Amino acid sequence: MGAPTGNKFWLKRLDLSSDGRKLSVKEVEQKAIEYIKEYIENPIEEKDFRGKDSNEVTLQKPRAMIKESICFWLGIGTTTWDEWKKDKKYKGIITRIEQFMYSYNFEYSSANQMNSSIIAKKLGLVEKQENTIKGLSLGKNYESKYED
């Protein structure tokens, strides 16, 4: 049995804006541009002490752009983002935003402006090693040259 005619169940969808309507592709693009500008124009400020006299300086570090923060900015959940990415209507803009955030984070972490290990994990760049002992696998195509 389906939902009754004239119901308002569609209002409970998670991919709707705060006023109850789904964001258009143009709105997603405009809000993404606002998000990017805000993050670039407002870096994190860190106080540090430099020099032989330990003078206080303020260092500006870029903010990492991640899916969770842009979803928060858009007022949607990460599952909605993932669903939009599957929708051919939204796929182009979502892909462009993700590519920009990936490039931005990668470039700044490469220049040691962000914590490289955290960004590498977020970008999926973590080197995976497989190490085991005594008869267990030591990785792909490994043959022991030693006998017990």
Protein backbone atom coordinates (compact mmCIF):
# COMPACT_ATOMS: atom_id res chain seq x y z
CA MET A 1 0.00 0.00 0.00
CA GLY A 2 1.41 3.39 -0.99
CA ALA A 3 1.25 6.66 0.85
CA PRO A 4 -2.14 8.38 0.96
CA THR A 5 -2.94 10.95 -1.74
CA GLY A 6 -2.12 14.52 -0.76
CA ASN A 7 0.43 13.53 1.90
CA LYS A 8 3.40 15.72 2.88
CA PHE A 9 5.97 12.94 3.27
CA TRP A 10 8.12 14.47 0.54
CA LEU A 11 8.81 17.41 2.88
CA LYS A 12 10.83 15.06 5.11
CA ARG A 13 13.43 14.49 2.37
CA LEU A 14 16.98 15.18 3.50
CA ASP A 15 18.06 16.89 0.27
CA LEU A 16 15.86 19.93 0.68
CA SER A 17 16.96 23.41 1.60
CA SER A 18 15.90 24.97 4.88
CA ASP A 19 12.81 26.46 3.25
CA GLY A 20 11.67 23.03 2.05
CA ARG A 21 12.72 22.99 -1.58
CA LYS A 22 15.51 21.11 -3.28
CA LEU A 23 18.52 23.25 -4.19
CA SER A 24 18.92 23.78 -7.92
CA VAL A 25 22.22 23.12 -9.68
CA LYS A 26 22.68 26.89 -10.02
CA GLU A 27 22.08 27.39 -6.28
CA VAL A 28 24.58 24.63 -5.44
CA GLU A 29 27.14 26.33 -7.70
CA GLN A 30 26.52 29.79 -6.18
CA LYS A 31 26.70 28.49 -2.62
CA ALA A 32 29.86 26.50 -3.43
CA ILE A 33 31.49 29.69 -4.75
CA GLU A 34 30.50 31.50 -1.53
CA TYR A 35 31.97 28.63 0.51
CA ILE A 36 35.24 28.68 -1.43
CA LYS A 37 35.58 32.47 -1.17
CA GLU A 38 34.85 32.37 2.57
CA TYR A 39 37.46 29.67 3.17
CA ILE A 40 40.12 31.41 1.07
CA GLU A 41 39.48 34.91 2.47
CA ASN A 42 39.38 33.75 6.11
CA PRO A 43 42.40 31.57 6.85
CA ILE A 44 43.07 30.11 10.27
CA GLU A 45 45.31 32.37 12.34
CA GLU A 46 47.97 30.77 14.48
CA LYS A 47 50.14 32.58 17.00
CA ASP A 48 53.79 31.59 17.08
CA PHE A 49 57.01 32.93 18.52
CA ARG A 50 59.95 33.41 16.16
CA GLY A 51 63.49 34.71 16.26
CA LYS A 52 66.10 34.89 18.97
CA ASP A 53 63.98 37.35 20.97
CA SER A 54 60.86 35.18 20.59
CA ASN A 55 58.74 37.83 18.93
CA GLU A 56 55.07 36.94 18.64
CA VAL A 57 53.89 36.56 15.04
CA THR A 58 50.55 35.63 13.56
CA LEU A 59 50.70 32.99 10.85
CA GLN A 60 47.86 32.53 8.42
CA LYS A 61 47.15 28.96 7.39
CA PRO A 62 44.61 27.92 4.77
CA ARG A 63 41.50 26.05 5.83
CA ALA A 64 41.09 22.53 4.50
CA MET A 65 38.06 22.14 2.25
CA ILE A 66 36.28 18.86 2.86
CA LYS A 67 32.97 17.32 1.86
CA GLU A 68 31.58 17.54 5.39
CA SER A 69 32.17 21.29 5.63
CA ILE A 70 30.66 22.13 2.24
CA CYS A 71 27.65 19.96 3.07
CA PHE A 72 27.25 21.89 6.32
CA TRP A 73 27.54 25.14 4.34
CA LEU A 74 24.85 23.95 1.90
CA GLY A 75 22.61 22.76 4.73
CA ILE A 76 22.56 19.15 3.54
CA GLY A 77 23.90 15.83 4.79
CA THR A 78 26.82 13.96 3.28
CA THR A 79 24.46 11.20 2.14
CA THR A 80 22.52 13.79 0.14
CA TRP A 81 25.79 14.92 -1.45
CA ASP A 82 26.55 11.31 -2.39
CA GLU A 83 23.07 10.87 -3.85
CA TRP A 84 23.37 14.11 -5.85
CA LYS A 85 26.66 12.85 -7.24
CA LYS A 86 24.80 9.87 -8.74
CA ASP A 87 22.13 12.16 -10.26
CA LYS A 88 23.14 13.18 -13.80
CA LYS A 89 21.63 16.65 -13.19
CA TYR A 90 24.04 17.34 -10.28
CA LYS A 91 26.96 15.11 -11.25
CA GLY A 92 28.83 17.83 -13.19
CA ILE A 93 28.79 20.49 -10.47
CA ILE A 94 29.47 18.01 -7.65
CA THR A 95 32.45 16.57 -9.56
CA ARG A 96 33.86 20.06 -10.28
CA ILE A 97 33.55 21.06 -6.61
CA GLU A 98 35.22 17.84 -5.43
CA GLN A 99 38.03 18.25 -7.98
CA PHE A 100 38.64 21.83 -6.83
CA MET A 101 38.70 20.83 -3.15
CA TYR A 102 41.04 17.90 -3.90
CA SER A 103 43.43 20.12 -5.87
CA TYR A 104 43.32 22.93 -3.27
CA ASN A 105 44.02 20.58 -0.35
CA PHE A 106 46.71 18.66 -2.24
CA GLU A 107 48.57 21.81 -3.35
CA TYR A 108 48.57 23.44 0.09
CA SER A 109 49.58 20.25 1.89
CA SER A 110 52.36 19.74 -0.67
CA ALA A 111 53.66 23.18 0.26
CA ASN A 112 53.46 22.26 3.99
CA GLN A 113 50.71 24.80 4.55
CA MET A 114 48.38 22.09 5.91
CA ASN A 115 48.98 18.94 7.94
CA SER A 116 50.04 16.60 5.14
CA SER A 117 49.21 13.34 6.92
CA ILE A 118 45.64 14.38 7.72
CA ILE A 119 45.05 15.70 4.20
CA ALA A 120 46.60 12.56 2.67
CA LYS A 121 44.14 10.40 4.61
CA LYS A 122 41.22 12.59 3.57
CA LEU A 123 42.31 12.50 -0.07
CA GLY A 124 42.85 8.74 0.02
CA LEU A 125 46.60 9.04 -0.58
CA VAL A 126 47.68 6.94 2.39
CA GLU A 127 50.38 4.40 1.61
CA LYS A 128 49.21 0.99 2.70
CA GLN A 129 51.72 -1.60 3.82
CA GLU A 130 51.11 -5.22 4.63
CA ASN A 131 53.53 -6.72 7.16
CA THR A 132 53.19 -10.05 8.87
CA ILE A 133 55.50 -12.51 10.57
CA LYS A 134 56.21 -16.26 10.41
CA GLY A 135 54.46 -17.84 7.49
CA LEU A 136 51.95 -15.08 7.03
CA SER A 137 51.78 -12.82 4.02
CA LEU A 138 54.29 -9.97 3.73
CA GLY A 139 52.59 -8.35 0.79
CA LYS A 140 52.01 -9.05 -2.85
CA ASN A 141 54.33 -11.48 -4.64
CA TYR A 142 56.67 -11.93 -1.69
CA GLU A 143 58.69 -15.12 -1.53
CA SER A 144 60.88 -15.88 1.43
CA LYS A 145 64.51 -16.75 0.63
CA TYR A 146 65.00 -18.23 4.08
CA GLU A 147 63.92 -21.55 5.49
CA ASP A 148 62.89 -22.22 9.09
